[in-house]
PDB file of all heavy atoms in Angstrom:
ATOM      1  N   VAL A   1      -2.250  12.064  -5.443  1.00  0.00           N
ATOM      2  CA  VAL A   1      -1.227  11.553  -4.536  1.00  0.00           C
ATOM      3  C   VAL A   1      -1.424  10.058  -4.340  1.00  0.00           C
ATOM      4  O   VAL A   1      -2.546   9.579  -4.201  1.00  0.00           O
ATOM      5  CB  VAL A   1      -1.269  12.293  -3.180  1.00  0.00           C
ATOM      6  CG1 VAL A   1      -2.651  12.223  -2.550  1.00  0.00           C
ATOM      7  CG2 VAL A   1      -0.216  11.751  -2.224  1.00  0.00           C
ATOM      8  N   GLY A   2      -0.317   9.338  -4.353  1.00  0.00           N
ATOM      9  CA  GLY A   2      -0.358   7.915  -4.069  1.00  0.00           C
ATOM     10  C   GLY A   2       0.203   7.644  -2.690  1.00  0.00           C
ATOM     11  O   GLY A   2       1.082   8.367  -2.216  1.00  0.00           O
ATOM     12  N   VAL A   3      -0.308   6.628  -2.034  1.00  0.00           N
ATOM     13  CA  VAL A   3       0.226   6.232  -0.735  1.00  0.00           C
ATOM     14  C   VAL A   3       1.131   5.033  -0.956  1.00  0.00           C
ATOM     15  O   VAL A   3       0.737   4.056  -1.594  1.00  0.00           O
ATOM     16  CB  VAL A   3      -0.898   5.919   0.283  1.00  0.00           C
ATOM     17  CG1 VAL A   3      -1.850   4.848  -0.224  1.00  0.00           C
ATOM     18  CG2 VAL A   3      -0.292   5.508   1.627  1.00  0.00           C
ATOM     19  N   GLN A   4       2.367   5.126  -0.469  1.00  0.00           N
ATOM     20  CA  GLN A   4       3.320   4.042  -0.666  1.00  0.00           C
ATOM     21  C   GLN A   4       3.415   3.179   0.586  1.00  0.00           C
ATOM     22  O   GLN A   4       3.668   3.690   1.680  1.00  0.00           O
ATOM     23  CB  GLN A   4       4.709   4.563  -1.023  1.00  0.00           C
ATOM     24  CG  GLN A   4       5.656   3.415  -1.396  1.00  0.00           C
ATOM     25  CD  GLN A   4       7.068   3.854  -1.684  1.00  0.00           C
ATOM     26  OE1 GLN A   4       7.777   4.286  -0.782  1.00  0.00           O
ATOM     27  NE2 GLN A   4       7.492   3.726  -2.931  1.00  0.00           N
ATOM     28  N   ILE A   5       3.212   1.887   0.406  1.00  0.00           N
ATOM     29  CA  ILE A   5       3.299   0.957   1.517  1.00  0.00           C
ATOM     30  C   ILE A   5       4.452  -0.019   1.268  1.00  0.00           C
ATOM     31  O   ILE A   5       4.887  -0.204   0.136  1.00  0.00           O
ATOM     32  CB  ILE A   5       1.981   0.173   1.720  1.00  0.00           C
ATOM     33  CG1 ILE A   5       1.630  -0.665   0.481  1.00  0.00           C
ATOM     34  CG2 ILE A   5       0.850   1.141   2.057  1.00  0.00           C
ATOM     35  CD1 ILE A   5       0.410  -1.557   0.660  1.00  0.00           C
ATOM     36  N   PHE A   6       4.937  -0.603   2.355  1.00  0.00           N
ATOM     37  CA  PHE A   6       5.955  -1.634   2.199  1.00  0.00           C
ATOM     38  C   PHE A   6       5.668  -2.778   3.152  1.00  0.00           C
ATOM     39  O   PHE A   6       4.994  -2.612   4.172  1.00  0.00           O
ATOM     40  CB  PHE A   6       7.366  -1.078   2.413  1.00  0.00           C
ATOM     41  CG  PHE A   6       7.715  -0.721   3.840  1.00  0.00           C
ATOM     42  CD1 PHE A   6       8.379  -1.620   4.669  1.00  0.00           C
ATOM     43  CD2 PHE A   6       7.398   0.533   4.363  1.00  0.00           C
ATOM     44  CE1 PHE A   6       8.713  -1.289   5.977  1.00  0.00           C
ATOM     45  CE2 PHE A   6       7.730   0.878   5.658  1.00  0.00           C
ATOM     46  CZ  PHE A   6       8.388  -0.043   6.478  1.00  0.00           C
ATOM     47  N   GLY A   7       6.178  -3.949   2.795  1.00  0.00           N
ATOM     48  CA  GLY A   7       5.963  -5.149   3.585  1.00  0.00           C
ATOM     49  C   GLY A   7       6.305  -6.360   2.744  1.00  0.00           C
ATOM     50  O   GLY A   7       6.725  -6.237   1.588  1.00  0.00           O
ATOM     51  N   SER A   8       6.108  -7.543   3.311  1.00  0.00           N
ATOM     52  CA  SER A   8       6.455  -8.767   2.584  1.00  0.00           C
ATOM     53  C   SER A   8       5.395  -9.860   2.710  1.00  0.00           C
ATOM     54  O   SER A   8       5.549 -10.931   2.120  1.00  0.00           O
ATOM     55  CB  SER A   8       7.791  -9.316   3.099  1.00  0.00           C
ATOM     56  OG  SER A   8       7.705  -9.629   4.481  1.00  0.00           O
ATOM     57  N   GLU A   9       4.333  -9.584   3.464  1.00  0.00           N
ATOM     58  CA  GLU A   9       3.298 -10.591   3.674  1.00  0.00           C
ATOM     59  C   GLU A   9       2.053 -10.225   2.868  1.00  0.00           C
ATOM     60  O   GLU A   9       1.391  -9.228   3.168  1.00  0.00           O
ATOM     61  CB  GLU A   9       2.966 -10.687   5.169  1.00  0.00           C
ATOM     62  CG  GLU A   9       4.176 -11.106   6.005  1.00  0.00           C
ATOM     63  CD  GLU A   9       3.934 -10.988   7.488  1.00  0.00           C
ATOM     64  OE1 GLU A   9       3.071 -11.717   7.991  1.00  0.00           O
ATOM     65  OE2 GLU A   9       4.607 -10.160   8.140  1.00  0.00           O
ATOM     66  N   PRO A  10       1.738 -11.007   1.833  1.00  0.00           N
ATOM     67  CA  PRO A  10       0.636 -10.652   0.929  1.00  0.00           C
ATOM     68  C   PRO A  10      -0.683 -10.356   1.635  1.00  0.00           C
ATOM     69  O   PRO A  10      -1.358  -9.385   1.289  1.00  0.00           O
ATOM     70  CB  PRO A  10       0.524 -11.885   0.021  1.00  0.00           C
ATOM     71  CG  PRO A  10       1.913 -12.457   0.013  1.00  0.00           C
ATOM     72  CD  PRO A  10       2.442 -12.235   1.398  1.00  0.00           C
ATOM     73  N   ASP A  11      -1.059 -11.171   2.615  1.00  0.00           N
ATOM     74  CA  ASP A  11      -2.352 -10.982   3.270  1.00  0.00           C
ATOM     75  C   ASP A  11      -2.410  -9.654   4.017  1.00  0.00           C
ATOM     76  O   ASP A  11      -3.418  -8.931   3.955  1.00  0.00           O
ATOM     77  CB  ASP A  11      -2.633 -12.131   4.239  1.00  0.00           C
ATOM     78  CG  ASP A  11      -2.881 -13.446   3.507  1.00  0.00           C
ATOM     79  OD1 ASP A  11      -3.104 -13.398   2.286  1.00  0.00           O
ATOM     80  OD2 ASP A  11      -2.852 -14.509   4.160  1.00  0.00           O
ATOM     81  N   ILE A  12      -1.339  -9.341   4.751  1.00  0.00           N
ATOM     82  CA  ILE A  12      -1.307  -8.081   5.497  1.00  0.00           C
ATOM     83  C   ILE A  12      -1.262  -6.900   4.539  1.00  0.00           C
ATOM     84  O   ILE A  12      -1.959  -5.892   4.731  1.00  0.00           O
ATOM     85  CB  ILE A  12      -0.093  -8.051   6.451  1.00  0.00           C
ATOM     86  CG1 ILE A  12      -0.275  -9.094   7.555  1.00  0.00           C
ATOM     87  CG2 ILE A  12       0.086  -6.655   7.055  1.00  0.00           C
ATOM     88  CD1 ILE A  12       0.897  -9.196   8.508  1.00  0.00           C
ATOM     89  N   MET A  13      -0.466  -6.998   3.481  1.00  0.00           N
ATOM     90  CA  MET A  13      -0.384  -5.923   2.495  1.00  0.00           C
ATOM     91  C   MET A  13      -1.759  -5.663   1.878  1.00  0.00           C
ATOM     92  O   MET A  13      -2.186  -4.510   1.723  1.00  0.00           O
ATOM     93  CB  MET A  13       0.614  -6.296   1.410  1.00  0.00           C
ATOM     94  CG  MET A  13       2.057  -6.433   1.884  1.00  0.00           C
ATOM     95  SD  MET A  13       2.868  -4.850   2.090  1.00  0.00           S
ATOM     96  CE  MET A  13       3.248  -4.453   0.392  1.00  0.00           C
ATOM     97  N   ALA A  14      -2.467  -6.744   1.534  1.00  0.00           N
ATOM     98  CA  ALA A  14      -3.783  -6.600   0.913  1.00  0.00           C
ATOM     99  C   ALA A  14      -4.783  -5.962   1.874  1.00  0.00           C
ATOM    100  O   ALA A  14      -5.547  -5.076   1.492  1.00  0.00           O
ATOM    101  CB  ALA A  14      -4.285  -7.957   0.439  1.00  0.00           C
ATOM    102  N   ARG A  15      -4.770  -6.411   3.121  1.00  0.00           N
ATOM    103  CA  ARG A  15      -5.719  -5.889   4.104  1.00  0.00           C
ATOM    104  C   ARG A  15      -5.518  -4.390   4.317  1.00  0.00           C
ATOM    105  O   ARG A  15      -6.484  -3.619   4.306  1.00  0.00           O
ATOM    106  CB  ARG A  15      -5.546  -6.630   5.432  1.00  0.00           C
ATOM    107  CG  ARG A  15      -6.317  -5.988   6.571  1.00  0.00           C
ATOM    108  CD  ARG A  15      -6.147  -6.697   7.884  1.00  0.00           C
ATOM    109  NE  ARG A  15      -6.606  -5.866   8.976  1.00  0.00           N
ATOM    110  CZ  ARG A  15      -6.891  -6.302  10.193  1.00  0.00           C
ATOM    111  NH1 ARG A  15      -6.788  -7.582  10.470  1.00  0.00           N
ATOM    112  NH2 ARG A  15      -7.299  -5.483  11.137  1.00  0.00           N
ATOM    113  N   GLU A  16      -4.276  -3.972   4.510  1.00  0.00           N
ATOM    114  CA  GLU A  16      -4.027  -2.563   4.794  1.00  0.00           C
ATOM    115  C   GLU A  16      -4.214  -1.700   3.549  1.00  0.00           C
ATOM    116  O   GLU A  16      -4.677  -0.562   3.642  1.00  0.00           O
ATOM    117  CB  GLU A  16      -2.615  -2.388   5.362  1.00  0.00           C
ATOM    118  CG  GLU A  16      -2.394  -3.135   6.672  1.00  0.00           C
ATOM    119  CD  GLU A  16      -3.466  -2.849   7.707  1.00  0.00           C
ATOM    120  OE1 GLU A  16      -3.767  -1.658   7.945  1.00  0.00           O
ATOM    121  OE2 GLU A  16      -4.029  -3.809   8.271  1.00  0.00           O
ATOM    122  N   ALA A  17      -3.884  -2.240   2.379  1.00  0.00           N
ATOM    123  CA  ALA A  17      -4.115  -1.499   1.138  1.00  0.00           C
ATOM    124  C   ALA A  17      -5.607  -1.248   0.929  1.00  0.00           C
ATOM    125  O   ALA A  17      -6.011  -0.171   0.486  1.00  0.00           O
ATOM    126  CB  ALA A  17      -3.534  -2.263  -0.042  1.00  0.00           C
ATOM    127  N   ALA A  18      -6.426  -2.225   1.268  1.00  0.00           N
ATOM    128  CA  ALA A  18      -7.872  -2.061   1.120  1.00  0.00           C
ATOM    129  C   ALA A  18      -8.392  -0.948   2.021  1.00  0.00           C
ATOM    130  O   ALA A  18      -9.274  -0.173   1.630  1.00  0.00           O
ATOM    131  CB  ALA A  18      -8.571  -3.377   1.441  1.00  0.00           C
ATOM    132  N   ILE A  19      -7.842  -0.848   3.220  1.00  0.00           N
ATOM    133  CA  ILE A  19      -8.235   0.224   4.144  1.00  0.00           C
ATOM    134  C   ILE A  19      -7.818   1.582   3.592  1.00  0.00           C
ATOM    135  O   ILE A  19      -8.587   2.550   3.605  1.00  0.00           O
ATOM    136  CB  ILE A  19      -7.620  -0.022   5.534  1.00  0.00           C
ATOM    137  CG1 ILE A  19      -8.229  -1.282   6.162  1.00  0.00           C
ATOM    138  CG2 ILE A  19      -7.815   1.195   6.438  1.00  0.00           C
ATOM    139  CD1 ILE A  19      -7.557  -1.717   7.452  1.00  0.00           C
ATOM    140  N   LEU A  20      -6.594   1.647   3.074  1.00  0.00           N
ATOM    141  CA  LEU A  20      -6.095   2.908   2.527  1.00  0.00           C
ATOM    142  C   LEU A  20      -6.863   3.315   1.274  1.00  0.00           C
ATOM    143  O   LEU A  20      -7.053   4.509   1.010  1.00  0.00           O
ATOM    144  CB  LEU A  20      -4.606   2.792   2.212  1.00  0.00           C
ATOM    145  CG  LEU A  20      -3.677   2.657   3.422  1.00  0.00           C
ATOM    146  CD1 LEU A  20      -2.252   2.377   2.964  1.00  0.00           C
ATOM    147  CD2 LEU A  20      -3.718   3.913   4.288  1.00  0.00           C
ATOM    148  N   ALA A  21      -7.308   2.342   0.503  1.00  0.00           N
ATOM    149  CA  ALA A  21      -8.034   2.644  -0.730  1.00  0.00           C
ATOM    150  C   ALA A  21      -9.369   3.304  -0.464  1.00  0.00           C
ATOM    151  O   ALA A  21      -9.951   3.928  -1.372  1.00  0.00           O
ATOM    152  CB  ALA A  21      -8.231   1.361  -1.540  1.00  0.00           C
ATOM    153  N   GLU A  22      -9.870   3.211   0.753  1.00  0.00           N
ATOM    154  CA  GLU A  22     -11.125   3.869   1.111  1.00  0.00           C
ATOM    155  C   GLU A  22     -10.928   5.355   1.396  1.00  0.00           C
ATOM    156  O   GLU A  22     -11.904   6.104   1.507  1.00  0.00           O
ATOM    157  CB  GLU A  22     -11.730   3.182   2.336  1.00  0.00           C
ATOM    158  CG  GLU A  22     -12.147   1.732   2.084  1.00  0.00           C
ATOM    159  CD  GLU A  22     -12.677   1.066   3.332  1.00  0.00           C
ATOM    160  OE1 GLU A  22     -12.673   1.704   4.407  1.00  0.00           O
ATOM    161  OE2 GLU A  22     -13.110  -0.105   3.242  1.00  0.00           O
ATOM    162  N   ARG A  23      -9.667   5.771   1.501  1.00  0.00           N
ATOM    163  CA  ARG A  23      -9.373   7.177   1.761  1.00  0.00           C
ATOM    164  C   ARG A  23      -9.205   7.916   0.437  1.00  0.00           C
ATOM    165  O   ARG A  23      -9.471   7.381  -0.637  1.00  0.00           O
ATOM    166  CB  ARG A  23      -8.140   7.275   2.661  1.00  0.00           C
ATOM    167  CG  ARG A  23      -8.387   6.576   3.992  1.00  0.00           C
ATOM    168  CD  ARG A  23      -7.147   6.436   4.842  1.00  0.00           C
ATOM    169  NE  ARG A  23      -6.633   7.710   5.318  1.00  0.00           N
ATOM    170  CZ  ARG A  23      -5.995   7.872   6.471  1.00  0.00           C
ATOM    171  NH1 ARG A  23      -5.811   6.836   7.291  1.00  0.00           N
ATOM    172  NH2 ARG A  23      -5.536   9.039   6.836  1.00  0.00           N
ATOM    173  N   ASP A  24      -8.782   9.184   0.509  1.00  0.00           N
ATOM    174  CA  ASP A  24      -8.747  10.026  -0.680  1.00  0.00           C
ATOM    175  C   ASP A  24      -7.492   9.868  -1.535  1.00  0.00           C
ATOM    176  O   ASP A  24      -7.239  10.704  -2.411  1.00  0.00           O
ATOM    177  CB  ASP A  24      -8.882  11.499  -0.278  1.00  0.00           C
ATOM    178  CG  ASP A  24     -10.293  11.827   0.184  1.00  0.00           C
ATOM    179  OD1 ASP A  24     -11.224  11.108  -0.240  1.00  0.00           O
ATOM    180  OD2 ASP A  24     -10.459  12.782   0.953  1.00  0.00           O
ATOM    181  N   PHE A  25      -6.693   8.855  -1.301  1.00  0.00           N
ATOM    182  CA  PHE A  25      -5.521   8.626  -2.142  1.00  0.00           C
ATOM    183  C   PHE A  25      -5.969   8.212  -3.533  1.00  0.00           C
ATOM    184  O   PHE A  25      -6.967   7.508  -3.695  1.00  0.00           O
ATOM    185  CB  PHE A  25      -4.622   7.551  -1.527  1.00  0.00           C
ATOM    186  CG  PHE A  25      -4.087   7.915  -0.173  1.00  0.00           C
ATOM    187  CD1 PHE A  25      -4.511   7.233   0.962  1.00  0.00           C
ATOM    188  CD2 PHE A  25      -3.192   8.960  -0.022  1.00  0.00           C
ATOM    189  CE1 PHE A  25      -4.038   7.575   2.219  1.00  0.00           C
ATOM    190  CE2 PHE A  25      -2.710   9.314   1.231  1.00  0.00           C
ATOM    191  CZ  PHE A  25      -3.137   8.624   2.353  1.00  0.00           C
ATOM    192  N   ASP A  26      -5.197   8.616  -4.527  1.00  0.00           N
ATOM    193  CA  ASP A  26      -5.576   8.327  -5.911  1.00  0.00           C
ATOM    194  C   ASP A  26      -5.075   6.977  -6.385  1.00  0.00           C
ATOM    195  O   ASP A  26      -5.617   6.418  -7.341  1.00  0.00           O
ATOM    196  CB  ASP A  26      -5.052   9.438  -6.820  1.00  0.00           C
ATOM    197  CG  ASP A  26      -5.692  10.770  -6.497  1.00  0.00           C
ATOM    198  OD1 ASP A  26      -6.814  11.008  -6.980  1.00  0.00           O
ATOM    199  OD2 ASP A  26      -5.105  11.569  -5.745  1.00  0.00           O
ATOM    200  N   PHE A  27      -4.036   6.458  -5.760  1.00  0.00           N
ATOM    201  CA  PHE A  27      -3.536   5.130  -6.102  1.00  0.00           C
ATOM    202  C   PHE A  27      -2.698   4.604  -4.944  1.00  0.00           C
ATOM    203  O   PHE A  27      -2.330   5.341  -4.028  1.00  0.00           O
ATOM    204  CB  PHE A  27      -2.724   5.145  -7.406  1.00  0.00           C
ATOM    205  CG  PHE A  27      -1.472   5.991  -7.369  1.00  0.00           C
ATOM    206  CD1 PHE A  27      -0.219   5.427  -7.146  1.00  0.00           C
ATOM    207  CD2 PHE A  27      -1.534   7.369  -7.585  1.00  0.00           C
ATOM    208  CE1 PHE A  27       0.927   6.202  -7.127  1.00  0.00           C
ATOM    209  CE2 PHE A  27      -0.387   8.164  -7.572  1.00  0.00           C
ATOM    210  CZ  PHE A  27       0.846   7.568  -7.336  1.00  0.00           C
ATOM    211  N   ILE A  28      -2.417   3.312  -4.989  1.00  0.00           N
ATOM    212  CA  ILE A  28      -1.587   2.652  -3.986  1.00  0.00           C
ATOM    213  C   ILE A  28      -0.275   2.240  -4.660  1.00  0.00           C
ATOM    214  O   ILE A  28      -0.275   1.764  -5.795  1.00  0.00           O
ATOM    215  CB  ILE A  28      -2.270   1.384  -3.425  1.00  0.00           C
ATOM    216  CG1 ILE A  28      -3.703   1.685  -2.962  1.00  0.00           C
ATOM    217  CG2 ILE A  28      -1.426   0.770  -2.311  1.00  0.00           C
ATOM    218  CD1 ILE A  28      -3.804   2.578  -1.760  1.00  0.00           C
ATOM    219  N   ASP A  29       0.835   2.423  -3.971  1.00  0.00           N
ATOM    220  CA  ASP A  29       2.138   2.015  -4.505  1.00  0.00           C
ATOM    221  C   ASP A  29       2.822   1.074  -3.517  1.00  0.00           C
ATOM    222  O   ASP A  29       2.717   1.265  -2.301  1.00  0.00           O
ATOM    223  CB  ASP A  29       3.035   3.235  -4.744  1.00  0.00           C
ATOM    224  CG  ASP A  29       4.384   2.852  -5.321  1.00  0.00           C
ATOM    225  OD1 ASP A  29       4.453   2.608  -6.538  1.00  0.00           O
ATOM    226  OD2 ASP A  29       5.374   2.783  -4.560  1.00  0.00           O
ATOM    227  N   ILE A  30       3.503   0.075  -4.051  1.00  0.00           N
ATOM    228  CA  ILE A  30       4.265  -0.840  -3.202  1.00  0.00           C
ATOM    229  C   ILE A  30       5.750  -0.567  -3.372  1.00  0.00           C
ATOM    230  O   ILE A  30       6.264  -0.566  -4.496  1.00  0.00           O
ATOM    231  CB  ILE A  30       3.969  -2.311  -3.552  1.00  0.00           C
ATOM    232  CG1 ILE A  30       2.487  -2.621  -3.383  1.00  0.00           C
ATOM    233  CG2 ILE A  30       4.803  -3.240  -2.666  1.00  0.00           C
ATOM    234  CD1 ILE A  30       2.106  -4.037  -3.828  1.00  0.00           C
ATOM    235  N   ASN A  31       6.428  -0.340  -2.266  1.00  0.00           N
ATOM    236  CA  ASN A  31       7.868  -0.113  -2.292  1.00  0.00           C
ATOM    237  C   ASN A  31       8.601  -1.449  -2.385  1.00  0.00           C
ATOM    238  O   ASN A  31       8.517  -2.278  -1.483  1.00  0.00           O
ATOM    239  CB  ASN A  31       8.313   0.643  -1.034  1.00  0.00           C
ATOM    240  CG  ASN A  31       9.804   0.925  -1.025  1.00  0.00           C
ATOM    241  OD1 ASN A  31      10.623   0.016  -1.107  1.00  0.00           O
ATOM    242  ND2 ASN A  31      10.154   2.185  -0.912  1.00  0.00           N
ATOM    243  N   MET A  32       9.339  -1.619  -3.475  1.00  0.00           N
ATOM    244  CA  MET A  32      10.176  -2.802  -3.662  1.00  0.00           C
ATOM    245  C   MET A  32      11.603  -2.377  -4.001  1.00  0.00           C
ATOM    246  O   MET A  32      12.330  -3.100  -4.678  1.00  0.00           O
ATOM    247  CB  MET A  32       9.603  -3.692  -4.764  1.00  0.00           C
ATOM    248  CG  MET A  32       8.226  -4.235  -4.430  1.00  0.00           C
ATOM    249  SD  MET A  32       7.598  -5.343  -5.714  1.00  0.00           S
ATOM    250  CE  MET A  32       6.026  -5.847  -4.981  1.00  0.00           C
ATOM    251  N   GLY A  33      11.968  -1.177  -3.528  1.00  0.00           N
ATOM    252  CA  GLY A  33      13.286  -0.665  -3.872  1.00  0.00           C
ATOM    253  C   GLY A  33      14.083  -0.086  -2.735  1.00  0.00           C
ATOM    254  O   GLY A  33      15.262   0.226  -2.909  1.00  0.00           O
ATOM    255  N   CYS A  34      13.474   0.083  -1.560  1.00  0.00           N
ATOM    256  CA  CYS A  34      14.202   0.707  -0.448  1.00  0.00           C
ATOM    257  C   CYS A  34      15.457  -0.105  -0.118  1.00  0.00           C
ATOM    258  O   CYS A  34      15.376  -1.313   0.125  1.00  0.00           O
ATOM    259  CB  CYS A  34      13.317   0.812   0.782  1.00  0.00           C
ATOM    260  SG  CYS A  34      14.172   1.557   2.204  1.00  0.00           S
ATOM    261  N   PRO A  35      16.636   0.539  -0.076  1.00  0.00           N
ATOM    262  CA  PRO A  35      17.884  -0.193   0.175  1.00  0.00           C
ATOM    263  C   PRO A  35      18.335  -0.196   1.633  1.00  0.00           C
ATOM    264  O   PRO A  35      19.360  -0.787   1.957  1.00  0.00           O
ATOM    265  CB  PRO A  35      18.889   0.587  -0.677  1.00  0.00           C
ATOM    266  CG  PRO A  35      18.429   2.008  -0.549  1.00  0.00           C
ATOM    267  CD  PRO A  35      16.900   1.937  -0.488  1.00  0.00           C
TER     268      PRO A  35
END
């Protein structure tokens, strides 16, 4: 399972992705398509 995150600020995206990567998710996904 991948965890999908969304946002527009690189620093915040990186910080929260790093926290999520410590959990049991198999990959991180960035949403760039929500309309």
